[in-house]
C-alpha atoms as a PDB file:
ATOM      1  CA  VAL A   1      83.271 132.523 184.894  1.00  0.00           C
ATOM      2  CA  HIS A   2      84.503 136.070 185.156  1.00  0.00           C
ATOM      3  CA  VAL A   3      82.532 139.217 184.299  1.00  0.00           C
ATOM      4  CA  VAL A   4      84.338 142.557 184.007  1.00  0.00           C
ATOM      5  CA  GLU A   5      82.891 146.002 183.396  1.00  0.00           C
ATOM      6  CA  SER A   6      84.873 148.973 182.153  1.00  0.00           C
ATOM      7  CA  GLY A   7      84.343 152.427 180.742  1.00  0.00           C
ATOM      8  CA  GLY A   8      83.120 154.318 183.756  1.00  0.00           C
ATOM      9  CA  GLY A   9      84.454 157.703 184.752  1.00  0.00           C
ATOM     10  CA  LEU A  10      83.672 161.334 185.365  1.00  0.00           C
ATOM     11  CA  VAL A  11      81.594 163.143 182.760  1.00  0.00           C
ATOM     12  CA  GLN A  12      79.823 166.475 182.629  1.00  0.00           C
ATOM     13  CA  PRO A  13      76.028 166.680 182.448  1.00  0.00           C
ATOM     14  CA  GLY A  14      74.889 166.146 178.893  1.00  0.00           C
ATOM     15  CA  GLY A  15      77.941 164.066 178.091  1.00  0.00           C
ATOM     16  CA  SER A  16      78.275 160.445 177.018  1.00  0.00           C
ATOM     17  CA  LEU A  17      80.024 157.300 178.150  1.00  0.00           C
ATOM     18  CA  ARG A  18      80.133 153.779 176.797  1.00  0.00           C
ATOM     19  CA  LEU A  19      80.376 150.946 179.272  1.00  0.00           C
ATOM     20  CA  SER A  20      81.669 147.542 178.241  1.00  0.00           C
ATOM     21  CA  CYS A  21      81.015 144.137 179.749  1.00  0.00           C
ATOM     22  CA  VAL A  22      83.307 141.262 178.900  1.00  0.00           C
ATOM     23  CA  ALA A  23      82.921 137.742 180.171  1.00  0.00           C
ATOM     24  CA  SER A  24      85.336 134.874 180.162  1.00  0.00           C
ATOM     25  CA  GLY A  25      84.481 131.249 180.579  1.00  0.00           C
ATOM     26  CA  PHE A  26      81.420 131.203 178.340  1.00  0.00           C
ATOM     27  CA  THR A  27      79.956 132.621 175.162  1.00  0.00           C
ATOM     28  CA  MET A  28      77.935 135.704 176.026  1.00  0.00           C
ATOM     29  CA  ASP A  29      75.509 135.458 173.135  1.00  0.00           C
ATOM     30  CA  ALA A  30      74.056 132.335 174.734  1.00  0.00           C
ATOM     31  CA  TYR A  31      72.954 134.338 177.765  1.00  0.00           C
ATOM     32  CA  THR A  32      70.819 137.307 178.709  1.00  0.00           C
ATOM     33  CA  ILE A  33      73.050 140.207 179.695  1.00  0.00           C
ATOM     34  CA  ALA A  34      71.759 143.074 181.792  1.00  0.00           C
ATOM     35  CA  TRP A  35      73.004 146.343 183.195  1.00  0.00           C
ATOM     36  CA  PHE A  36      72.100 147.535 186.682  1.00  0.00           C
ATOM     37  CA  ARG A  37      73.169 150.469 188.773  1.00  0.00           C
ATOM     38  CA  GLN A  38      73.199 151.358 192.423  1.00  0.00           C
ATOM     39  CA  ALA A  39      73.610 154.829 193.822  1.00  0.00           C
ATOM     40  CA  PRO A  40      74.583 155.466 197.462  1.00  0.00           C
ATOM     41  CA  GLY A  41      71.615 154.977 199.742  1.00  0.00           C
ATOM     42  CA  LYS A  42      69.395 153.697 196.951  1.00  0.00           C
ATOM     43  CA  GLU A  43      68.224 150.281 195.850  1.00  0.00           C
ATOM     44  CA  ARG A  44      69.747 148.577 192.870  1.00  0.00           C
ATOM     45  CA  GLU A  45      67.988 149.548 189.666  1.00  0.00           C
ATOM     46  CA  GLY A  46      67.672 147.416 186.538  1.00  0.00           C
ATOM     47  CA  LEU A  47      68.399 149.512 183.456  1.00  0.00           C
ATOM     48  CA  SER A  48      68.742 147.498 180.281  1.00  0.00           C
ATOM     49  CA  LEU A  49      69.056 143.982 178.988  1.00  0.00           C
ATOM     50  CA  ILE A  50      69.680 142.077 175.788  1.00  0.00           C
ATOM     51  CA  LYS A  51      68.346 138.569 175.491  1.00  0.00           C
ATOM     52  CA  ASN A  52      69.997 135.564 173.949  1.00  0.00           C
ATOM     53  CA  LEU A  53      68.707 134.010 170.741  1.00  0.00           C
ATOM     54  CA  ASP A  54      66.476 136.843 169.475  1.00  0.00           C
ATOM     55  CA  GLU A  55      68.548 139.775 170.810  1.00  0.00           C
ATOM     56  CA  THR A  56      65.434 141.454 172.219  1.00  0.00           C
ATOM     57  CA  THR A  57      66.344 144.525 174.237  1.00  0.00           C
ATOM     58  CA  TYR A  58      64.704 146.289 177.150  1.00  0.00           C
ATOM     59  CA  HIS A  59      65.347 149.699 178.666  1.00  0.00           C
ATOM     60  CA  ALA A  60      63.841 151.051 181.857  1.00  0.00           C
ATOM     61  CA  ASP A  61      61.781 154.211 181.555  1.00  0.00           C
ATOM     62  CA  SER A  62      64.437 156.142 183.474  1.00  0.00           C
ATOM     63  CA  VAL A  63      66.971 155.596 180.681  1.00  0.00           C
ATOM     64  CA  LYS A  64      64.829 154.953 177.617  1.00  0.00           C
ATOM     65  CA  GLY A  65      65.904 157.169 174.733  1.00  0.00           C
ATOM     66  CA  ARG A  66      69.244 157.953 176.375  1.00  0.00           C
ATOM     67  CA  PHE A  67      70.856 154.537 176.943  1.00  0.00           C
ATOM     68  CA  THR A  68      71.306 151.805 174.358  1.00  0.00           C
ATOM     69  CA  ILE A  69      72.434 148.242 174.975  1.00  0.00           C
ATOM     70  CA  SER A  70      74.141 146.266 172.235  1.00  0.00           C
ATOM     71  CA  ARG A  71      76.169 143.133 171.804  1.00  0.00           C
ATOM     72  CA  ASP A  72      79.219 142.447 169.644  1.00  0.00           C
ATOM     73  CA  LYS A  73      80.462 138.892 169.907  1.00  0.00           C
ATOM     74  CA  ASN A  74      81.622 138.475 173.496  1.00  0.00           C
ATOM     75  CA  THR A  75      81.215 142.071 174.591  1.00  0.00           C
ATOM     76  CA  VAL A  76      78.041 143.879 175.629  1.00  0.00           C
ATOM     77  CA  TYR A  77      77.974 147.652 175.577  1.00  0.00           C
ATOM     78  CA  LEU A  78      75.843 150.260 177.269  1.00  0.00           C
ATOM     79  CA  GLN A  79      75.970 153.517 175.372  1.00  0.00           C
ATOM     80  CA  MET A  80      74.891 156.303 177.689  1.00  0.00           C
ATOM     81  CA  ASN A  81      74.030 159.696 176.221  1.00  0.00           C
ATOM     82  CA  SER A  82      72.596 162.886 177.683  1.00  0.00           C
ATOM     83  CA  LEU A  83      73.874 161.930 181.101  1.00  0.00           C
ATOM     84  CA  LYS A  84      72.396 163.592 184.159  1.00  0.00           C
ATOM     85  CA  PRO A  85      73.737 163.989 187.693  1.00  0.00           C
ATOM     86  CA  GLU A  86      71.127 161.489 188.855  1.00  0.00           C
ATOM     87  CA  ASP A  87      72.794 158.861 186.661  1.00  0.00           C
ATOM     88  CA  THR A  88      75.712 158.864 189.084  1.00  0.00           C
ATOM     89  CA  ALA A  89      76.070 155.323 190.438  1.00  0.00           C
ATOM     90  CA  VAL A  90      78.084 152.145 190.297  1.00  0.00           C
ATOM     91  CA  TYR A  91      77.075 150.270 187.170  1.00  0.00           C
ATOM     92  CA  TYR A  92      77.043 146.488 187.125  1.00  0.00           C
ATOM     93  CA  CYS A  93      76.855 143.926 184.352  1.00  0.00           C
ATOM     94  CA  ALA A  94      74.965 140.716 185.075  1.00  0.00           C
ATOM     95  CA  VAL A  95      74.705 137.462 183.147  1.00  0.00           C
ATOM     96  CA  GLY A  96      71.916 134.924 183.309  1.00  0.00           C
ATOM     97  CA  SER A  97      70.763 131.754 181.597  1.00  0.00           C
ATOM     98  CA  GLY A  98      67.756 131.833 179.327  1.00  0.00           C
ATOM     99  CA  GLN A  99      65.566 134.685 178.211  1.00  0.00           C
ATOM    100  CA  LEU A 100      65.299 136.684 181.391  1.00  0.00           C
ATOM    101  CA  ARG A 101      63.439 139.785 182.458  1.00  0.00           C
ATOM    102  CA  ILE A 102      65.137 142.623 184.281  1.00  0.00           C
ATOM    103  CA  THR A 103      63.495 141.462 187.514  1.00  0.00           C
ATOM    104  CA  ASP A 104      64.724 137.863 187.276  1.00  0.00           C
ATOM    105  CA  ASP A 105      67.740 136.465 189.094  1.00  0.00           C
ATOM    106  CA  TYR A 106      71.091 136.645 187.338  1.00  0.00           C
ATOM    107  CA  ASP A 107      73.847 134.112 187.865  1.00  0.00           C
ATOM    108  CA  TYR A 108      77.037 136.127 187.464  1.00  0.00           C
ATOM    109  CA  TRP A 109      77.890 139.714 188.307  1.00  0.00           C
ATOM    110  CA  GLY A 110      80.829 141.972 187.655  1.00  0.00           C
ATOM    111  CA  GLN A 111      82.542 144.120 190.262  1.00  0.00           C
ATOM    112  CA  GLY A 112      81.022 147.327 188.947  1.00  0.00           C
ATOM    113  CA  THR A 113      82.328 150.506 187.391  1.00  0.00           C
ATOM    114  CA  GLN A 114      81.764 153.979 188.809  1.00  0.00           C
ATOM    115  CA  VAL A 115      79.978 156.590 186.720  1.00  0.00           C
ATOM    116  CA  THR A 116      79.965 160.129 188.048  1.00  0.00           C
ATOM    117  CA  VAL A 117      78.068 162.891 186.274  1.00  0.00           C
ATOM    118  CA  SER A 118      79.081 166.275 187.591  1.00  0.00           C
ATOM    119  CA  SER A 119      80.168 169.669 186.435  1.00  0.00           C
END
């Protein structure tokens, strides 16, 4: 099993980025996929998830209305709009079995992709 994130980069405040998460070794729509982030000196924060089966989504209050998670076959996206400097962090994709909550344990993690929001 291999999970890979991409799409990070440097963006100005107010800008947008779309992160992608691709997994090999299994079919992603059978799993709950979540996005997390960790900024320097801060704890890891759960942002968004999309569940298997019913495709229920969740977004943390800190990103609700700005970030959108979606799934297309074996790729999960995190569309990030209206980015703020405080969104600067390493963003991780995580994969877990069953219909998980953002606080549950996830089985597989990617290596992360850096998002920097700065003018």
